[in-house]
N, C-alpha and C. Protein backbone atom coordinates (compact mmCIF):
# COMPACT_ATOMS: atom_id res chain seq x y z
N UNK A 1 0.83 -0.89 -0.08
CA UNK A 1 -0.29 0.31 0.21
C UNK A 1 0.77 1.11 0.10
N UNK A 2 0.48 2.40 -1.30
CA UNK A 2 1.59 3.53 -1.09
C UNK A 2 1.71 4.21 0.46
N UNK A 3 2.42 4.91 0.18
CA UNK A 3 2.63 5.93 1.89
C UNK A 3 1.21 7.09 2.19
N UNK A 4 0.85 7.37 0.56
CA UNK A 4 0.05 8.38 0.50
C UNK A 4 -1.42 7.74 0.77
N UNK A 5 -1.99 6.22 0.49
CA UNK A 5 -2.93 5.64 1.01
C UNK A 5 -2.96 5.38 2.71
N UNK A 6 -1.83 4.96 3.28
CA UNK A 6 -1.82 4.76 4.66
C UNK A 6 -2.34 6.02 5.50
N UNK A 7 -1.56 7.12 4.88
CA UNK A 7 -2.00 8.62 5.52
C UNK A 7 -3.39 8.75 5.55
N UNK A 8 -4.26 8.41 4.22
CA UNK A 8 -5.12 8.77 4.07
C UNK A 8 -6.28 8.16 5.05
N UNK A 9 -6.39 7.11 5.15
CA UNK A 9 -6.36 5.52 5.77
C UNK A 9 -6.54 6.22 7.08
N UNK A 10 -5.50 6.50 7.69
CA UNK A 10 -5.34 6.97 8.93
C UNK A 10 -5.96 8.05 9.50
N UNK A 11 -5.97 9.36 8.59
CA UNK A 11 -6.43 10.59 8.71
C UNK A 11 -7.87 10.46 8.64
N UNK A 12 -8.53 9.15 8.32
CA UNK A 12 -10.15 8.94 7.77
C UNK A 12 -10.61 8.35 9.06
N UNK A 13 -9.82 7.33 9.85
CA UNK A 13 -9.91 6.63 11.09
C UNK A 13 -10.03 7.54 11.98
N UNK A 14 -9.23 8.43 12.13
CA UNK A 14 -9.00 9.74 13.44
C UNK A 14 -10.01 10.38 13.37
N UNK A 15 -10.45 10.76 12.09
CA UNK A 15 -11.75 11.71 11.55
C UNK A 15 -13.18 11.07 12.46
N UNK A 16 -12.73 10.06 11.98
CA UNK A 16 -14.61 9.05 12.09
C UNK A 16 -14.08 9.13 13.69
N UNK A 17 -13.44 8.46 14.31
CA UNK A 17 -13.34 8.45 15.88
C UNK A 17 -13.37 9.84 16.48
N UNK A 18 -13.20 11.31 16.49
CA UNK A 18 -13.69 12.47 16.67
C UNK A 18 -14.99 12.79 16.35
N UNK A 19 -15.52 12.36 15.13
CA UNK A 19 -16.94 12.95 14.57
C UNK A 19 -17.84 11.67 15.75
N UNK A 20 -17.22 10.42 15.78
CA UNK A 20 -18.04 9.62 16.89
C UNK A 20 -18.36 10.40 18.43
N UNK A 21 -16.97 10.61 18.85
CA UNK A 21 -16.85 11.26 20.24
C UNK A 21 -17.75 12.28 20.21
N UNK A 22 -17.34 13.37 19.24
CA UNK A 22 -18.34 14.67 19.52
C UNK A 22 -19.69 14.55 19.57
N UNK A 23 -20.24 14.13 18.63
CA UNK A 23 -21.61 13.54 18.22
C UNK A 23 -22.31 12.63 19.22
N UNK A 24 -21.46 11.51 19.93
CA UNK A 24 -22.31 10.53 20.83
C UNK A 24 -21.55 9.99 21.69
N UNK A 25 -20.99 10.82 22.59
CA UNK A 25 -19.99 10.54 23.91
C UNK A 25 -20.43 9.63 24.99
N UNK A 26 -21.81 9.34 24.77
CA UNK A 26 -21.97 8.25 25.54
C UNK A 26 -21.69 7.10 24.99
N UNK A 27 -22.37 6.89 23.68
CA UNK A 27 -21.74 5.82 22.98
C UNK A 27 -20.00 5.62 22.68
N UNK A 28 -19.74 6.52 22.83
CA UNK A 28 -18.03 6.31 22.55
C UNK A 28 -17.55 5.93 23.80
N UNK A 29 -17.96 6.39 24.82
CA UNK A 29 -17.67 5.86 26.33
C UNK A 29 -18.01 4.25 26.55
N UNK A 30 -19.31 4.12 26.33
CA UNK A 30 -19.51 2.76 26.18
C UNK A 30 -18.66 1.54 25.37
N UNK A 31 -18.09 2.34 24.08
CA UNK A 31 -17.21 1.52 23.31
C UNK A 31 -15.89 1.10 23.88
N UNK A 32 -15.29 2.41 24.60
CA UNK A 32 -14.21 2.02 25.62
C UNK A 32 -14.15 1.14 26.60
N UNK A 33 -15.14 1.55 27.31
CA UNK A 33 -15.43 1.03 28.42
C UNK A 33 -15.79 -0.63 28.23
N UNK A 34 -16.31 -1.29 26.75
CA UNK A 34 -16.20 -2.57 26.07
C UNK A 34 -14.72 -3.08 26.12
N UNK A 35 -14.31 -2.30 25.12
CA UNK A 35 -12.76 -3.10 24.87
C UNK A 35 -11.76 -2.91 25.84
N UNK A 36 -11.76 -1.95 27.07
CA UNK A 36 -11.27 -2.18 28.33
C UNK A 36 -11.47 -3.70 29.05
N UNK A 37 -12.93 -3.61 28.65
CA UNK A 37 -13.44 -5.10 29.43
C UNK A 37 -13.08 -6.42 28.82
N UNK A 38 -12.89 -6.36 27.74
CA UNK A 38 -12.11 -7.59 26.61
C UNK A 38 -10.95 -7.62 26.96
N UNK A 39 -10.08 -6.23 26.85
CA UNK A 39 -8.68 -6.25 27.28
C UNK A 39 -8.49 -7.15 28.75
N UNK A 40 -8.95 -6.96 29.27
CA UNK A 40 -8.61 -7.65 30.84
C UNK A 40 -9.67 -8.82 30.98
N UNK A 41 -10.63 -9.19 30.05
CA UNK A 41 -10.56 -10.70 30.17
C UNK A 41 -9.55 -11.17 29.52
N UNK A 42 -8.91 -11.02 28.18
CA UNK A 42 -8.08 -11.81 27.30
C UNK A 42 -6.70 -11.64 28.32
N UNK A 43 -6.47 -10.73 29.30
CA UNK A 43 -5.35 -10.49 30.04
C UNK A 43 -5.35 -11.90 31.30
N UNK A 44 -6.74 -11.81 31.99
CA UNK A 44 -6.97 -12.72 33.07
C UNK A 44 -7.00 -14.07 32.16
N UNK A 45 -7.52 -14.44 31.23
CA UNK A 45 -7.47 -15.74 30.46
C UNK A 45 -5.68 -16.16 30.50
N UNK A 46 -5.21 -14.96 29.80
CA UNK A 46 -3.84 -15.69 29.61
C UNK A 46 -2.95 -15.96 30.86
N UNK A 47 -3.27 -15.24 32.04
CA UNK A 47 -2.43 -15.43 33.16
C UNK A 47 -3.48 -16.70 33.88
N UNK A 48 -4.63 -17.02 33.89
CA UNK A 48 -4.77 -18.28 34.35
C UNK A 48 -3.97 -19.65 33.55
N UNK A 49 -3.94 -19.62 31.97
CA UNK A 49 -2.98 -20.33 31.41
C UNK A 49 -1.91 -20.67 32.30
N UNK A 50 -1.18 -19.39 32.55
CA UNK A 50 0.26 -19.33 32.81
C UNK A 50 0.21 -19.97 34.23
N UNK A 51 -0.97 -19.33 35.07
CA UNK A 51 -0.59 -20.40 36.64
C UNK A 51 -1.07 -21.65 36.57
């Protein structure tokens, strides 16, 4: 993928995230909370495998 395409895609993703946060802050907070909970679940799973 050319460098300009990566930069354009990254800019579009950032613009979408900012738009989502500004227009629907409650939903954005719920999405972040969901991602954090998922991350903690994955960490807990791997810790249980190691222990």
